[in-house]
């Protein structure tokens, strides 16, 4: 197996692990604040132990980006507990829309003409997800509120990506992984007051928390970190689209959760627009960021 093939497999495995988050978050009997806090606490510890680079390059810039990433993590969990896994991941995947809006303001990067088509497509996908008002269900008790939190998670993720690019401008190895660790630590500390008291929980719930922290975030980031050293950004971006594609599938297999037709249509538009943007940018303006 070539080096490139091994890197692709590692990145695909990471995307696969990321995609199990929605189903696992819904499986635990902890409340949303407990899941968000303990998941991030375990993830931070895992990354600190497994990746020596995560213990270096801590800075005020990394801390600032970490705040946005912490909000992304917490909002993602809260949304998953209220709406379907499909809606959560599709709405978070609208991040390119906010990224295009934020970049001119925060990074002084102009919006290109071809970006307007992407903004329109992602916006249309966003509307499709919201148009399909779904009835509350066992795994999605409040779809309307969950959808709103998922949109906020996407906006915070876009802000995180802007922050990582801002850090990378002054230093190519500007502490992006440090920002990830700090974000997880901030999510843990921020959720802890709302996560206590704990009360008794079956061992299976703790196993789920360990899986989410050690495997779904920790191991996945270890795989991503090693794979990105060997793969072009364009190819990596496409492989990572496995996550939003498989996330609803795992929720269906584990919980029988079936997303609405409008949500699936909106998700297809959002993911399609993201794929096209990644491909076009790679051909016309190759850079580390899609």
Protein backbone atom coordinates (compact mmCIF):
# COMPACT_ATOMS: atom_id res chain seq x y z
CA UNK A 1 0.00 0.00 0.00
CA UNK A 2 1.38 3.40 -0.97
CA UNK A 3 1.79 6.26 1.48
CA UNK A 4 -1.01 8.20 -0.22
CA UNK A 5 -3.38 5.23 -0.08
CA UNK A 6 -2.72 4.75 3.62
CA UNK A 7 -3.38 8.44 4.26
CA UNK A 8 -6.68 8.25 2.36
CA UNK A 9 -7.75 5.26 4.43
CA UNK A 10 -6.89 7.08 7.67
CA UNK A 11 -8.86 10.13 6.61
CA UNK A 12 -11.83 8.03 5.49
CA UNK A 13 -11.71 6.22 8.84
CA UNK A 14 -11.69 9.59 10.63
CA UNK A 15 -14.72 10.76 8.62
CA UNK A 16 -16.46 7.48 9.46
CA UNK A 17 -15.80 8.00 13.17
CA UNK A 18 -16.99 11.62 13.01
CA UNK A 19 -20.20 10.45 11.33
CA UNK A 20 -21.15 8.22 14.28
CA UNK A 21 -21.49 11.25 16.57
CA UNK A 22 -25.20 11.86 16.02
CA UNK A 23 -26.25 8.28 16.77
CA UNK A 24 -23.95 8.02 19.81
CA UNK A 25 -25.09 11.36 21.26
CA UNK A 26 -28.70 10.18 21.06
CA UNK A 27 -27.86 6.82 22.65
CA UNK A 28 -26.68 8.05 26.08
CA UNK A 29 -29.19 8.74 28.85
CA UNK A 30 -27.24 11.73 30.13
CA UNK A 31 -28.75 15.13 29.43
CA UNK A 32 -27.31 17.28 26.65
CA UNK A 33 -25.08 19.40 28.91
CA UNK A 34 -23.58 16.30 30.50
CA UNK A 35 -22.88 14.70 27.14
CA UNK A 36 -21.36 17.87 25.70
CA UNK A 37 -19.17 18.49 28.75
CA UNK A 38 -17.90 14.98 29.43
CA UNK A 39 -17.43 14.19 25.75
CA UNK A 40 -15.19 17.22 25.34
CA UNK A 41 -13.34 16.61 28.60
CA UNK A 42 -12.44 13.07 27.58
CA UNK A 43 -11.52 14.26 24.07
CA UNK A 44 -9.17 16.95 25.38
CA UNK A 45 -7.41 14.44 27.63
CA UNK A 46 -7.11 11.95 24.77
CA UNK A 47 -5.57 14.51 22.42
CA UNK A 48 -3.14 15.76 25.06
CA UNK A 49 -1.96 12.21 25.75
CA UNK A 50 -1.80 11.00 22.13
CA UNK A 51 -0.48 14.05 20.29
CA UNK A 52 2.57 15.80 21.78
CA UNK A 53 2.05 18.70 19.36
CA UNK A 54 -1.29 19.38 21.07
CA UNK A 55 0.64 20.34 24.20
CA UNK A 56 2.61 23.02 22.36
CA UNK A 57 1.95 26.34 20.67
CA UNK A 58 -0.74 27.46 23.09
CA UNK A 59 -1.37 31.17 22.62
CA UNK A 60 -4.01 33.84 23.03
CA UNK A 61 -4.89 33.33 19.35
CA UNK A 62 -5.46 29.61 19.93
CA UNK A 63 -7.56 30.43 22.99
CA UNK A 64 -9.68 32.89 21.01
CA UNK A 65 -10.35 30.35 18.26
CA UNK A 66 -10.93 27.74 20.96
CA UNK A 67 -13.90 29.75 22.28
CA UNK A 68 -15.64 29.52 18.91
CA UNK A 69 -14.81 25.83 18.60
CA UNK A 70 -16.17 25.16 22.09
CA UNK A 71 -19.45 26.80 21.10
CA UNK A 72 -19.53 24.62 17.96
CA UNK A 73 -19.10 21.44 20.01
CA UNK A 74 -21.73 22.29 22.60
CA UNK A 75 -24.32 23.53 20.11
CA UNK A 76 -23.84 20.40 18.00
CA UNK A 77 -24.68 18.17 20.96
CA UNK A 78 -27.64 20.30 22.06
CA UNK A 79 -29.03 20.28 18.52
CA UNK A 80 -28.63 16.51 18.17
CA UNK A 81 -30.69 15.93 21.29
CA UNK A 82 -33.56 18.06 19.98
CA UNK A 83 -33.74 17.44 16.23
CA UNK A 84 -32.74 14.66 13.85
CA UNK A 85 -29.10 13.81 13.25
CA UNK A 86 -29.65 14.56 9.56
CA UNK A 87 -30.96 18.07 10.22
CA UNK A 88 -28.13 18.74 12.66
CA UNK A 89 -25.30 17.75 10.34
CA UNK A 90 -26.90 19.29 7.23
CA UNK A 91 -27.49 22.62 8.96
CA UNK A 92 -23.99 22.63 10.43
CA UNK A 93 -22.73 21.99 6.89
CA UNK A 94 -24.03 25.43 5.90
CA UNK A 95 -20.77 26.79 7.36
CA UNK A 96 -19.45 27.72 3.85
CA UNK A 97 -22.28 30.25 3.57
CA UNK A 98 -21.23 32.04 6.76
CA UNK A 99 -17.57 31.60 5.87
CA UNK A 100 -18.10 33.56 2.66
CA UNK A 101 -19.91 36.28 4.60
CA UNK A 102 -17.28 36.49 7.34
CA UNK A 103 -14.13 36.33 5.21
CA UNK A 104 -14.42 39.83 3.67
CA UNK A 105 -15.05 41.34 7.09
CA UNK A 106 -12.55 39.48 9.24
CA UNK A 107 -9.90 38.39 6.72
CA UNK A 108 -10.35 41.16 4.12
CA UNK A 109 -10.82 38.56 1.41
CA UNK A 110 -13.20 39.61 -1.38
CA UNK A 111 -16.18 37.49 -2.35
CA UNK A 112 -15.61 36.14 -5.85
CA UNK A 113 -18.37 35.99 -8.43
CA UNK A 114 -18.43 32.21 -8.40
CA UNK A 115 -18.90 32.30 -4.62
CA UNK A 116 -22.27 33.98 -5.06
CA UNK A 117 -23.64 30.82 -6.68
CA UNK A 118 -22.42 28.76 -3.73
CA UNK A 119 -24.03 31.18 -1.29
CA UNK A 120 -27.32 30.97 -3.18
CA UNK A 121 -27.24 27.16 -3.31
CA UNK A 122 -26.37 26.72 0.36
CA UNK A 123 -29.02 29.28 1.28
CA UNK A 124 -31.59 27.34 -0.76
CA UNK A 125 -30.60 24.12 0.99
CA UNK A 126 -30.96 25.85 4.35
CA UNK A 127 -34.49 26.95 3.45
CA UNK A 128 -35.43 23.44 2.30
CA UNK A 129 -34.44 21.97 5.66
CA UNK A 130 -36.51 24.56 7.51
CA UNK A 131 -39.50 24.31 5.14
CA UNK A 132 -39.97 20.64 5.98
CA UNK A 133 -41.41 21.13 9.47
CA UNK A 134 -41.13 17.73 11.15
CA UNK A 135 -43.25 16.39 13.98
CA UNK A 136 -41.52 15.76 17.33
CA UNK A 137 -40.30 12.21 17.86
CA UNK A 138 -38.55 10.11 20.46
CA UNK A 139 -35.06 11.02 19.23
CA UNK A 140 -36.07 14.51 18.06
CA UNK A 141 -38.43 16.01 20.68
CA UNK A 142 -38.14 19.65 19.54
CA UNK A 143 -37.07 19.88 15.88
CA UNK A 144 -37.63 23.63 15.57
CA UNK A 145 -35.35 24.56 18.46
CA UNK A 146 -32.83 21.89 17.48
CA UNK A 147 -32.67 23.22 13.91
CA UNK A 148 -31.97 26.71 15.21
CA UNK A 149 -29.15 25.45 17.44
CA UNK A 150 -27.71 23.50 14.49
CA UNK A 151 -27.64 26.70 12.40
CA UNK A 152 -25.80 28.46 15.23
CA UNK A 153 -23.36 25.53 15.38
CA UNK A 154 -22.67 25.98 11.66
CA UNK A 155 -22.07 29.71 12.17
CA UNK A 156 -19.65 29.02 15.02
CA UNK A 157 -17.85 26.40 12.92
CA UNK A 158 -17.43 28.96 10.14
CA UNK A 159 -16.01 31.41 12.68
CA UNK A 160 -13.64 28.68 13.86
CA UNK A 161 -12.42 28.08 10.29
CA UNK A 162 -11.87 31.81 9.83
CA UNK A 163 -9.89 31.83 13.07
CA UNK A 164 -7.74 28.89 11.99
CA UNK A 165 -6.97 30.62 8.71
CA UNK A 166 -6.14 33.83 10.58
CA UNK A 167 -3.70 31.88 12.78
CA UNK A 168 -2.18 30.13 9.78
CA UNK A 169 -1.42 33.39 7.99
CA UNK A 170 1.22 34.41 10.49
CA UNK A 171 2.44 30.89 11.20
CA UNK A 172 1.75 27.87 8.94
CA UNK A 173 1.87 25.68 12.05
CA UNK A 174 -0.02 28.25 14.07
CA UNK A 175 -1.39 26.01 16.77
CA UNK A 176 -4.60 24.76 15.13
CA UNK A 177 -4.50 21.56 17.15
CA UNK A 178 -3.93 23.59 20.31
CA UNK A 179 -7.12 25.50 19.49
CA UNK A 180 -8.97 22.19 19.20
CA UNK A 181 -7.72 21.07 22.62
CA UNK A 182 -8.49 24.43 24.21
CA UNK A 183 -11.96 24.37 22.66
CA UNK A 184 -12.69 20.96 24.16
CA UNK A 185 -11.39 22.07 27.55
CA UNK A 186 -13.54 25.22 27.43
CA UNK A 187 -16.59 23.15 26.46
CA UNK A 188 -15.96 20.85 29.42
CA UNK A 189 -15.51 23.68 31.91
CA UNK A 190 -18.45 25.66 30.53
CA UNK A 191 -20.86 22.72 30.65
CA UNK A 192 -19.75 21.36 34.02
CA UNK A 193 -21.93 23.65 36.22
CA UNK A 194 -24.99 22.62 34.20
CA UNK A 195 -23.97 18.94 34.17
CA UNK A 196 -24.00 18.55 37.96
CA UNK A 197 -25.29 16.78 39.96
CA UNK A 198 -24.86 13.58 38.02
CA UNK A 199 -26.95 10.94 39.72
CA UNK A 200 -26.65 7.22 38.99
CA UNK A 201 -26.16 6.08 35.39
CA UNK A 202 -25.68 2.61 33.90
CA UNK A 203 -22.22 1.59 32.77
CA UNK A 204 -23.36 1.67 29.16
CA UNK A 205 -23.84 5.43 29.33
CA UNK A 206 -20.27 5.93 30.51
CA UNK A 207 -19.03 3.65 27.73
CA UNK A 208 -20.85 5.89 25.25
CA UNK A 209 -19.19 8.99 26.73
CA UNK A 210 -15.79 7.31 26.52
CA UNK A 211 -16.48 6.33 22.92
CA UNK A 212 -17.48 9.88 22.00
CA UNK A 213 -14.43 11.43 23.64
CA UNK A 214 -11.71 8.86 22.96
CA UNK A 215 -12.80 7.50 19.58
CA UNK A 216 -15.30 9.80 17.88
CA UNK A 217 -13.26 12.95 18.58
CA UNK A 218 -9.85 11.91 19.92
CA UNK A 219 -8.88 9.05 17.61
CA UNK A 220 -10.56 10.76 14.65
CA UNK A 221 -8.41 13.87 15.11
CA UNK A 222 -5.28 11.73 15.47
CA UNK A 223 -6.10 10.14 12.10
CA UNK A 224 -6.92 13.49 10.50
CA UNK A 225 -3.70 15.07 11.75
CA UNK A 226 -1.52 12.32 10.28
CA UNK A 227 -3.45 12.10 7.00
CA UNK A 228 -3.41 15.84 6.27
CA UNK A 229 0.38 15.80 6.29
CA UNK A 230 0.30 13.67 3.12
CA UNK A 231 -2.87 14.66 1.21
CA UNK A 232 -3.80 17.78 -0.77
CA UNK A 233 -6.47 19.95 0.84
CA UNK A 234 -8.89 19.36 -2.07
CA UNK A 235 -8.80 15.59 -1.79
CA UNK A 236 -9.00 15.74 2.00
CA UNK A 237 -12.06 18.01 1.85
CA UNK A 238 -13.89 15.58 -0.42
CA UNK A 239 -13.07 12.56 1.72
CA UNK A 240 -14.31 14.35 4.84
CA UNK A 241 -17.71 14.80 3.17
CA UNK A 242 -18.24 11.16 4.15
CA UNK A 243 -19.22 12.48 7.60
CA UNK A 244 -22.40 14.39 6.68
CA UNK A 245 -23.32 11.69 4.17
CA UNK A 246 -23.17 8.82 6.68
CA UNK A 247 -24.31 10.62 9.84
CA UNK A 248 -28.05 10.21 9.09
CA UNK A 249 -27.47 6.60 8.06
CA UNK A 250 -26.06 5.66 11.48
CA UNK A 251 -28.94 7.44 13.24
CA UNK A 252 -31.37 5.40 11.14
CA UNK A 253 -29.56 2.10 11.78
CA UNK A 254 -29.26 2.63 15.55
CA UNK A 255 -32.44 4.55 16.37
CA UNK A 256 -34.70 4.07 13.36
CA UNK A 257 -34.64 7.84 12.87
CA UNK A 258 -35.88 8.78 9.41
CA UNK A 259 -35.27 12.36 8.24
CA UNK A 260 -37.95 14.14 6.25
CA UNK A 261 -37.85 14.43 2.49
CA UNK A 262 -37.34 18.19 2.56
CA UNK A 263 -34.38 17.77 4.93
CA UNK A 264 -32.78 15.18 2.65
CA UNK A 265 -33.30 17.43 -0.37
CA UNK A 266 -31.80 20.39 1.48
CA UNK A 267 -28.88 18.31 2.64
CA UNK A 268 -28.22 17.12 -0.91
CA UNK A 269 -28.17 20.73 -2.15
CA UNK A 270 -25.85 21.86 0.67
CA UNK A 271 -23.40 18.97 0.23
CA UNK A 272 -23.54 19.29 -3.55
CA UNK A 273 -22.75 23.01 -3.40
CA UNK A 274 -19.88 22.36 -0.99
CA UNK A 275 -18.44 19.65 -3.26
CA UNK A 276 -18.65 21.85 -6.36
CA UNK A 277 -17.05 24.78 -4.53
CA UNK A 278 -14.19 22.59 -3.32
CA UNK A 279 -13.59 21.25 -6.83
CA UNK A 280 -13.77 24.65 -8.55
CA UNK A 281 -11.53 26.35 -5.98
CA UNK A 282 -8.97 23.57 -6.26
CA UNK A 283 -8.79 24.07 -10.03
CA UNK A 284 -8.90 27.87 -10.18
CA UNK A 285 -7.36 28.98 -6.90
CA UNK A 286 -5.57 26.14 -5.13
CA UNK A 287 -4.99 26.88 -1.45
CA UNK A 288 -5.03 25.07 1.90
CA UNK A 289 -8.59 26.21 2.52
CA UNK A 290 -11.60 25.35 0.35
